[in-house]
Amino acid sequence: MTDLKYFVTLFHSNYMSRGLIMYESLKKEMTDFHLFIIAVDKTTYDRLTDWNLDKVSVISLEEFEDEDLLRVKGERTAAEYCWTCSSKSILYIIERFHVPACTYVDADICFFSDPEELFQELSEQDAVLITAHRYSDYCDQTKVSGK
């Protein structure tokens, strides 16, 4: 039996279908998890709250945002702002919900096996594990989105 793993992601109504596929694939592959979803817009927050998904906590953007994020919000595109929020989301979840560790996952990924294997790669001294996008050649966005 593995320890409960905590994940965080951002959902926007334009990507909600992808996010729900990610959630369902995680649910299929892993039993001991909890997913925190930061809803980037009101539509997403309202729908996810109404659906009351198993093993999910929904957080509004207003609840998540702090002065640092609000200061740069107007200087970033919507996508850039989400990237900024994603890096800050891990610490937010750890501090706000008092969890020992948290893993950020993009909402548009799909789990094909139990992610426990990735956690096994972390040693006691490791704080961060980053995986590459591994784009298919025909949809490689490395130049604009990074590896």
N, C-alpha and C. Protein backbone atom coordinates (compact mmCIF):
# COMPACT_ATOMS: atom_id res chain seq x y z
N MET A 1 0.85 -1.19 0.00
CA MET A 1 0.00 0.00 0.00
C MET A 1 0.89 1.24 0.00
N THR A 2 0.63 2.14 -0.89
CA THR A 2 1.40 3.38 -0.98
C THR A 2 0.77 4.46 -0.12
N ASP A 3 1.55 5.48 0.17
CA ASP A 3 1.02 6.63 0.89
C ASP A 3 0.16 7.46 -0.05
N LEU A 4 -0.76 8.20 0.53
CA LEU A 4 -1.60 9.10 -0.26
C LEU A 4 -0.72 10.12 -0.97
N LYS A 5 -0.92 10.29 -2.25
CA LYS A 5 -0.17 11.27 -3.05
C LYS A 5 -1.10 12.43 -3.37
N TYR A 6 -0.52 13.62 -3.33
CA TYR A 6 -1.28 14.84 -3.60
C TYR A 6 -0.82 15.44 -4.92
N PHE A 7 -1.78 15.82 -5.72
CA PHE A 7 -1.52 16.43 -7.02
C PHE A 7 -2.25 17.77 -7.09
N VAL A 8 -1.71 18.66 -7.90
CA VAL A 8 -2.38 19.93 -8.16
C VAL A 8 -2.30 20.21 -9.66
N THR A 9 -3.35 20.84 -10.17
CA THR A 9 -3.39 21.22 -11.58
C THR A 9 -4.25 22.47 -11.71
N LEU A 10 -4.22 23.06 -12.88
CA LEU A 10 -5.08 24.20 -13.20
C LEU A 10 -6.04 23.79 -14.30
N PHE A 11 -7.32 24.14 -14.13
CA PHE A 11 -8.33 23.87 -15.15
C PHE A 11 -8.89 25.20 -15.63
N HIS A 12 -9.03 25.34 -16.91
CA HIS A 12 -9.75 26.45 -17.55
C HIS A 12 -10.89 25.84 -18.33
N SER A 13 -12.00 26.55 -18.45
CA SER A 13 -13.16 25.97 -19.12
C SER A 13 -12.85 25.52 -20.55
N ASN A 14 -11.91 26.18 -21.22
CA ASN A 14 -11.53 25.76 -22.58
C ASN A 14 -10.77 24.43 -22.58
N TYR A 15 -10.21 24.05 -21.43
CA TYR A 15 -9.42 22.82 -21.32
C TYR A 15 -10.08 21.80 -20.38
N MET A 16 -11.29 22.07 -19.95
CA MET A 16 -11.91 21.20 -18.96
C MET A 16 -12.04 19.76 -19.44
N SER A 17 -12.35 19.56 -20.70
CA SER A 17 -12.48 18.20 -21.22
C SER A 17 -11.15 17.45 -21.08
N ARG A 18 -10.05 18.12 -21.38
CA ARG A 18 -8.74 17.49 -21.24
C ARG A 18 -8.44 17.20 -19.77
N GLY A 19 -8.76 18.17 -18.92
CA GLY A 19 -8.53 17.99 -17.49
C GLY A 19 -9.32 16.83 -16.91
N LEU A 20 -10.53 16.66 -17.36
CA LEU A 20 -11.34 15.55 -16.87
C LEU A 20 -10.80 14.21 -17.35
N ILE A 21 -10.23 14.18 -18.54
CA ILE A 21 -9.58 12.95 -19.02
C ILE A 21 -8.37 12.65 -18.16
N MET A 22 -7.59 13.68 -17.82
CA MET A 22 -6.44 13.47 -16.94
C MET A 22 -6.90 12.91 -15.61
N TYR A 23 -7.93 13.51 -15.03
CA TYR A 23 -8.46 13.06 -13.75
C TYR A 23 -8.92 11.60 -13.82
N GLU A 24 -9.69 11.28 -14.84
CA GLU A 24 -10.19 9.91 -14.98
C GLU A 24 -9.04 8.92 -15.18
N SER A 25 -8.02 9.31 -15.93
CA SER A 25 -6.88 8.40 -16.14
C SER A 25 -6.10 8.21 -14.83
N LEU A 26 -5.97 9.27 -14.03
CA LEU A 26 -5.30 9.15 -12.74
C LEU A 26 -6.11 8.23 -11.82
N LYS A 27 -7.42 8.41 -11.82
CA LYS A 27 -8.30 7.58 -11.00
C LYS A 27 -8.20 6.10 -11.40
N LYS A 28 -8.04 5.87 -12.68
CA LYS A 28 -7.94 4.49 -13.17
C LYS A 28 -6.61 3.85 -12.76
N GLU A 29 -5.54 4.65 -12.75
CA GLU A 29 -4.21 4.10 -12.53
C GLU A 29 -3.74 4.15 -11.07
N MET A 30 -4.35 4.98 -10.24
CA MET A 30 -3.87 5.16 -8.87
C MET A 30 -5.05 5.27 -7.92
N THR A 31 -5.00 4.55 -6.82
CA THR A 31 -6.13 4.60 -5.88
C THR A 31 -5.91 5.59 -4.75
N ASP A 32 -4.67 5.74 -4.28
CA ASP A 32 -4.39 6.58 -3.13
C ASP A 32 -3.88 7.96 -3.56
N PHE A 33 -4.80 8.83 -3.94
CA PHE A 33 -4.42 10.19 -4.36
C PHE A 33 -5.50 11.18 -3.97
N HIS A 34 -5.11 12.44 -3.99
CA HIS A 34 -6.06 13.54 -3.89
C HIS A 34 -5.60 14.60 -4.88
N LEU A 35 -6.53 15.11 -5.67
CA LEU A 35 -6.23 16.10 -6.70
C LEU A 35 -6.83 17.44 -6.30
N PHE A 36 -5.98 18.46 -6.23
CA PHE A 36 -6.43 19.83 -6.03
C PHE A 36 -6.51 20.48 -7.41
N ILE A 37 -7.64 21.06 -7.73
CA ILE A 37 -7.82 21.72 -9.02
C ILE A 37 -8.03 23.21 -8.76
N ILE A 38 -7.13 24.02 -9.31
CA ILE A 38 -7.30 25.47 -9.25
C ILE A 38 -8.09 25.87 -10.49
N ALA A 39 -9.30 26.34 -10.25
CA ALA A 39 -10.19 26.71 -11.35
C ALA A 39 -9.84 28.13 -11.80
N VAL A 40 -9.41 28.24 -13.03
CA VAL A 40 -8.92 29.52 -13.55
C VAL A 40 -10.06 30.48 -13.89
N ASP A 41 -11.26 29.96 -14.06
CA ASP A 41 -12.40 30.84 -14.34
C ASP A 41 -13.63 30.36 -13.58
N LYS A 42 -14.63 31.23 -13.51
CA LYS A 42 -15.84 30.95 -12.73
C LYS A 42 -16.62 29.77 -13.28
N THR A 43 -16.70 29.63 -14.60
CA THR A 43 -17.41 28.50 -15.20
C THR A 43 -16.83 27.19 -14.72
N THR A 44 -15.52 27.10 -14.74
CA THR A 44 -14.85 25.88 -14.29
C THR A 44 -15.13 25.63 -12.81
N TYR A 45 -14.98 26.66 -12.01
CA TYR A 45 -15.22 26.51 -10.57
C TYR A 45 -16.65 26.03 -10.30
N ASP A 46 -17.62 26.66 -10.93
CA ASP A 46 -19.02 26.31 -10.70
C ASP A 46 -19.31 24.87 -11.13
N ARG A 47 -18.84 24.48 -12.31
CA ARG A 47 -19.11 23.12 -12.80
C ARG A 47 -18.45 22.07 -11.91
N LEU A 48 -17.17 22.27 -11.61
CA LEU A 48 -16.46 21.28 -10.81
C LEU A 48 -17.03 21.18 -9.40
N THR A 49 -17.44 22.29 -8.85
CA THR A 49 -18.05 22.28 -7.52
C THR A 49 -19.37 21.53 -7.56
N ASP A 50 -20.17 21.77 -8.59
CA ASP A 50 -21.45 21.07 -8.73
C ASP A 50 -21.27 19.57 -8.90
N TRP A 51 -20.24 19.17 -9.63
CA TRP A 51 -20.02 17.75 -9.92
C TRP A 51 -19.49 16.98 -8.71
N ASN A 52 -18.87 17.68 -7.75
CA ASN A 52 -18.40 17.04 -6.53
C ASN A 52 -17.60 15.75 -6.83
N LEU A 53 -16.55 15.90 -7.61
CA LEU A 53 -15.75 14.75 -8.03
C LEU A 53 -15.05 14.09 -6.85
N ASP A 54 -14.96 12.77 -6.90
CA ASP A 54 -14.30 11.98 -5.87
C ASP A 54 -12.81 12.29 -5.83
N LYS A 55 -12.26 12.46 -4.64
CA LYS A 55 -10.83 12.69 -4.42
C LYS A 55 -10.34 14.02 -4.99
N VAL A 56 -11.23 15.01 -5.07
CA VAL A 56 -10.90 16.30 -5.68
C VAL A 56 -11.33 17.44 -4.74
N SER A 57 -10.46 18.44 -4.64
CA SER A 57 -10.81 19.71 -4.00
C SER A 57 -10.66 20.80 -5.05
N VAL A 58 -11.67 21.63 -5.18
CA VAL A 58 -11.66 22.72 -6.16
C VAL A 58 -11.35 24.02 -5.44
N ILE A 59 -10.42 24.77 -6.01
CA ILE A 59 -9.98 26.04 -5.42
C ILE A 59 -10.21 27.13 -6.46
N SER A 60 -10.84 28.21 -6.05
CA SER A 60 -11.06 29.31 -6.99
C SER A 60 -9.74 30.06 -7.21
N LEU A 61 -9.64 30.71 -8.36
CA LEU A 61 -8.45 31.50 -8.66
C LEU A 61 -8.30 32.63 -7.64
N GLU A 62 -9.41 33.22 -7.24
CA GLU A 62 -9.36 34.32 -6.27
C GLU A 62 -8.80 33.86 -4.93
N GLU A 63 -9.14 32.65 -4.53
CA GLU A 63 -8.61 32.10 -3.28
C GLU A 63 -7.11 31.85 -3.39
N PHE A 64 -6.67 31.41 -4.56
CA PHE A 64 -5.27 31.04 -4.79
C PHE A 64 -4.35 32.25 -5.00
N GLU A 65 -4.82 33.24 -5.73
CA GLU A 65 -3.96 34.37 -6.10
C GLU A 65 -3.49 35.15 -4.88
N ASP A 66 -2.23 35.59 -4.95
CA ASP A 66 -1.67 36.45 -3.91
C ASP A 66 -1.14 37.72 -4.56
N GLU A 67 -0.55 38.58 -3.77
CA GLU A 67 -0.06 39.87 -4.30
C GLU A 67 0.97 39.69 -5.41
N ASP A 68 1.87 38.73 -5.25
CA ASP A 68 2.90 38.51 -6.27
C ASP A 68 2.28 38.13 -7.61
N LEU A 69 1.31 37.22 -7.58
CA LEU A 69 0.65 36.82 -8.83
C LEU A 69 -0.14 37.97 -9.43
N LEU A 70 -0.88 38.66 -8.61
CA LEU A 70 -1.69 39.77 -9.12
C LEU A 70 -0.83 40.88 -9.71
N ARG A 71 0.37 41.05 -9.19
CA ARG A 71 1.28 42.08 -9.69
C ARG A 71 1.71 41.80 -11.14
N VAL A 72 1.88 40.53 -11.49
CA VAL A 72 2.35 40.19 -12.84
C VAL A 72 1.22 39.78 -13.79
N LYS A 73 0.03 39.62 -13.28
CA LYS A 73 -1.10 39.12 -14.08
C LYS A 73 -1.32 39.93 -15.35
N GLY A 74 -1.30 41.24 -15.25
CA GLY A 74 -1.56 42.10 -16.41
C GLY A 74 -0.43 42.13 -17.42
N GLU A 75 0.73 41.63 -17.04
CA GLU A 75 1.90 41.63 -17.93
C GLU A 75 2.04 40.33 -18.71
N ARG A 76 1.18 39.36 -18.47
CA ARG A 76 1.30 38.04 -19.07
C ARG A 76 0.07 37.71 -19.90
N THR A 77 0.29 36.88 -20.91
CA THR A 77 -0.86 36.33 -21.63
C THR A 77 -1.55 35.34 -20.69
N ALA A 78 -2.72 34.89 -21.06
CA ALA A 78 -3.44 33.92 -20.23
C ALA A 78 -2.62 32.64 -20.05
N ALA A 79 -2.00 32.17 -21.12
CA ALA A 79 -1.17 30.96 -21.03
C ALA A 79 0.05 31.19 -20.14
N GLU A 80 0.71 32.32 -20.32
CA GLU A 80 1.88 32.64 -19.50
C GLU A 80 1.50 32.76 -18.03
N TYR A 81 0.34 33.33 -17.77
CA TYR A 81 -0.10 33.47 -16.39
C TYR A 81 -0.37 32.10 -15.76
N CYS A 82 -0.95 31.20 -16.53
CA CYS A 82 -1.17 29.83 -16.02
C CYS A 82 0.17 29.15 -15.72
N TRP A 83 1.16 29.35 -16.58
CA TRP A 83 2.48 28.77 -16.32
C TRP A 83 3.06 29.35 -15.04
N THR A 84 2.87 30.63 -14.83
CA THR A 84 3.34 31.27 -13.60
C THR A 84 2.62 30.68 -12.39
N CYS A 85 1.32 30.51 -12.51
CA CYS A 85 0.53 29.95 -11.41
C CYS A 85 0.92 28.50 -11.12
N SER A 86 1.23 27.75 -12.16
CA SER A 86 1.54 26.34 -11.94
C SER A 86 2.74 26.15 -11.03
N SER A 87 3.77 26.95 -11.22
CA SER A 87 4.95 26.80 -10.38
C SER A 87 4.67 27.20 -8.93
N LYS A 88 3.78 28.11 -8.72
CA LYS A 88 3.45 28.58 -7.37
C LYS A 88 2.42 27.66 -6.69
N SER A 89 1.71 26.87 -7.47
CA SER A 89 0.63 26.06 -6.93
C SER A 89 1.10 24.98 -5.95
N ILE A 90 2.26 24.44 -6.18
CA ILE A 90 2.77 23.36 -5.33
C ILE A 90 2.95 23.85 -3.89
N LEU A 91 3.68 24.94 -3.75
CA LEU A 91 3.91 25.49 -2.42
C LEU A 91 2.60 25.91 -1.76
N TYR A 92 1.70 26.48 -2.53
CA TYR A 92 0.40 26.88 -2.01
C TYR A 92 -0.32 25.69 -1.38
N ILE A 93 -0.36 24.57 -2.09
CA ILE A 93 -1.07 23.38 -1.59
C ILE A 93 -0.38 22.85 -0.33
N ILE A 94 0.94 22.76 -0.36
CA ILE A 94 1.69 22.26 0.80
C ILE A 94 1.41 23.12 2.03
N GLU A 95 1.48 24.43 1.86
CA GLU A 95 1.28 25.33 3.00
C GLU A 95 -0.19 25.45 3.42
N ARG A 96 -1.08 25.58 2.49
CA ARG A 96 -2.50 25.81 2.79
C ARG A 96 -3.19 24.58 3.37
N PHE A 97 -2.82 23.40 2.84
CA PHE A 97 -3.51 22.17 3.25
C PHE A 97 -2.63 21.25 4.10
N HIS A 98 -1.42 21.71 4.41
CA HIS A 98 -0.51 20.99 5.31
C HIS A 98 -0.26 19.55 4.85
N VAL A 99 0.05 19.41 3.56
CA VAL A 99 0.39 18.09 3.03
C VAL A 99 1.91 17.98 2.95
N PRO A 100 2.46 16.78 3.05
CA PRO A 100 3.92 16.62 3.07
C PRO A 100 4.60 16.88 1.73
N ALA A 101 3.89 16.64 0.65
CA ALA A 101 4.45 16.83 -0.69
C ALA A 101 3.30 16.96 -1.68
N CYS A 102 3.60 17.60 -2.81
CA CYS A 102 2.57 17.80 -3.82
C CYS A 102 3.22 17.77 -5.20
N THR A 103 2.53 17.20 -6.15
CA THR A 103 3.02 17.08 -7.51
C THR A 103 2.13 17.87 -8.45
N TYR A 104 2.74 18.76 -9.23
CA TYR A 104 1.98 19.50 -10.24
C TYR A 104 1.87 18.64 -11.50
N VAL A 105 0.68 18.57 -12.08
CA VAL A 105 0.48 17.89 -13.36
C VAL A 105 -0.29 18.81 -14.29
N ASP A 106 0.13 18.86 -15.54
CA ASP A 106 -0.61 19.62 -16.53
C ASP A 106 -1.98 18.96 -16.73
N ALA A 107 -2.98 19.77 -16.96
CA ALA A 107 -4.34 19.25 -17.11
C ALA A 107 -4.53 18.49 -18.41
N ASP A 108 -3.63 18.66 -19.36
CA ASP A 108 -3.81 18.01 -20.66
C ASP A 108 -2.92 16.77 -20.83
N ILE A 109 -2.60 16.11 -19.72
CA ILE A 109 -1.85 14.85 -19.84
C ILE A 109 -2.79 13.69 -19.57
N CYS A 110 -2.30 12.50 -19.82
CA CYS A 110 -3.07 11.30 -19.57
C CYS A 110 -2.15 10.28 -18.92
N PHE A 111 -2.60 9.67 -17.85
CA PHE A 111 -1.82 8.63 -17.18
C PHE A 111 -2.11 7.29 -17.85
N PHE A 112 -1.04 6.58 -18.22
CA PHE A 112 -1.19 5.26 -18.82
C PHE A 112 -0.71 4.16 -17.89
N SER A 113 -0.15 4.55 -16.76
CA SER A 113 0.26 3.61 -15.73
C SER A 113 0.31 4.37 -14.40
N ASP A 114 0.50 3.63 -13.34
CA ASP A 114 0.55 4.22 -12.00
C ASP A 114 1.77 5.13 -11.90
N PRO A 115 1.59 6.41 -11.55
CA PRO A 115 2.73 7.33 -11.44
C PRO A 115 3.65 7.02 -10.25
N GLU A 116 3.32 6.03 -9.46
CA GLU A 116 4.16 5.66 -8.31
C GLU A 116 5.60 5.41 -8.74
N GLU A 117 5.79 4.91 -9.93
CA GLU A 117 7.14 4.66 -10.45
C GLU A 117 7.99 5.94 -10.44
N LEU A 118 7.37 7.06 -10.77
CA LEU A 118 8.09 8.34 -10.75
C LEU A 118 8.49 8.72 -9.34
N PHE A 119 7.60 8.48 -8.39
CA PHE A 119 7.92 8.82 -7.00
C PHE A 119 9.08 7.97 -6.48
N GLN A 120 9.19 6.76 -6.98
CA GLN A 120 10.27 5.87 -6.56
C GLN A 120 11.63 6.39 -7.03
N GLU A 121 11.64 7.21 -8.08
CA GLU A 121 12.89 7.78 -8.59
C GLU A 121 13.44 8.87 -7.69
N LEU A 122 12.60 9.46 -6.86
CA LEU A 122 13.05 10.51 -5.95
C LEU A 122 13.79 9.89 -4.76
N SER A 123 14.91 10.48 -4.42
CA SER A 123 15.61 10.03 -3.22
C SER A 123 15.22 10.93 -2.05
N GLU A 124 15.71 10.61 -0.88
CA GLU A 124 15.41 11.41 0.31
C GLU A 124 15.85 12.87 0.15
N GLN A 125 16.93 13.09 -0.60
CA GLN A 125 17.48 14.44 -0.75
C GLN A 125 16.82 15.23 -1.88
N ASP A 126 16.07 14.56 -2.74
CA ASP A 126 15.45 15.22 -3.88
C ASP A 126 14.20 15.99 -3.45
N ALA A 127 14.07 17.18 -4.00
CA ALA A 127 12.87 17.97 -3.73
C ALA A 127 12.02 18.12 -4.99
N VAL A 128 12.64 17.94 -6.16
CA VAL A 128 11.95 18.20 -7.41
C VAL A 128 12.29 17.11 -8.43
N LEU A 129 11.29 16.69 -9.16
CA LEU A 129 11.46 15.79 -10.30
C LEU A 129 10.72 16.43 -11.46
N ILE A 130 11.42 16.70 -12.53
CA ILE A 130 10.82 17.32 -13.71
C ILE A 130 10.90 16.35 -14.86
N THR A 131 9.79 16.19 -15.56
CA THR A 131 9.79 15.31 -16.73
C THR A 131 9.60 16.16 -17.98
N ALA A 132 10.17 15.70 -19.06
CA ALA A 132 10.05 16.40 -20.34
C ALA A 132 8.64 16.23 -20.92
N HIS A 133 8.25 17.16 -21.79
CA HIS A 133 6.95 17.05 -22.45
C HIS A 133 6.88 15.81 -23.34
N ARG A 134 7.97 15.50 -24.01
CA ARG A 134 8.03 14.35 -24.94
C ARG A 134 6.97 14.47 -26.03
N TYR A 135 6.97 15.62 -26.68
CA TYR A 135 6.03 15.85 -27.77
C TYR A 135 6.25 14.85 -28.90
N SER A 136 5.19 14.48 -29.57
CA SER A 136 5.30 13.77 -30.84
C SER A 136 5.83 14.76 -31.85
N ASP A 137 6.54 14.27 -32.85
CA ASP A 137 7.15 15.16 -33.85
C ASP A 137 6.13 16.09 -34.50
N TYR A 138 4.95 15.59 -34.81
CA TYR A 138 3.97 16.39 -35.53
C TYR A 138 3.33 17.49 -34.68
N CYS A 139 3.47 17.43 -33.37
CA CYS A 139 2.87 18.50 -32.54
C CYS A 139 3.89 19.09 -31.57
N ASP A 140 5.15 19.07 -31.93
CA ASP A 140 6.22 19.59 -31.08
C ASP A 140 6.05 21.10 -30.87
N GLN A 141 5.91 21.50 -29.61
CA GLN A 141 5.77 22.90 -29.25
C GLN A 141 6.91 23.35 -28.35
N THR A 142 8.03 22.67 -28.43
CA THR A 142 9.17 22.97 -27.58
C THR A 142 9.62 24.43 -27.70
N LYS A 143 9.58 24.99 -28.90
CA LYS A 143 10.05 26.37 -29.10
C LYS A 143 9.22 27.39 -28.34
N VAL A 144 7.93 27.15 -28.17
CA VAL A 144 7.09 28.12 -27.47
C VAL A 144 6.75 27.71 -26.04
N SER A 145 6.79 26.40 -25.75
CA SER A 145 6.39 25.94 -24.44
C SER A 145 7.50 25.35 -23.60
N GLY A 146 8.65 25.13 -24.20
CA GLY A 146 9.76 24.54 -23.47
C GLY A 146 9.69 23.03 -23.45
N LYS A 147 10.72 22.45 -22.86
CA LYS A 147 10.80 20.98 -22.80
C LYS A 147 9.96 20.44 -21.67
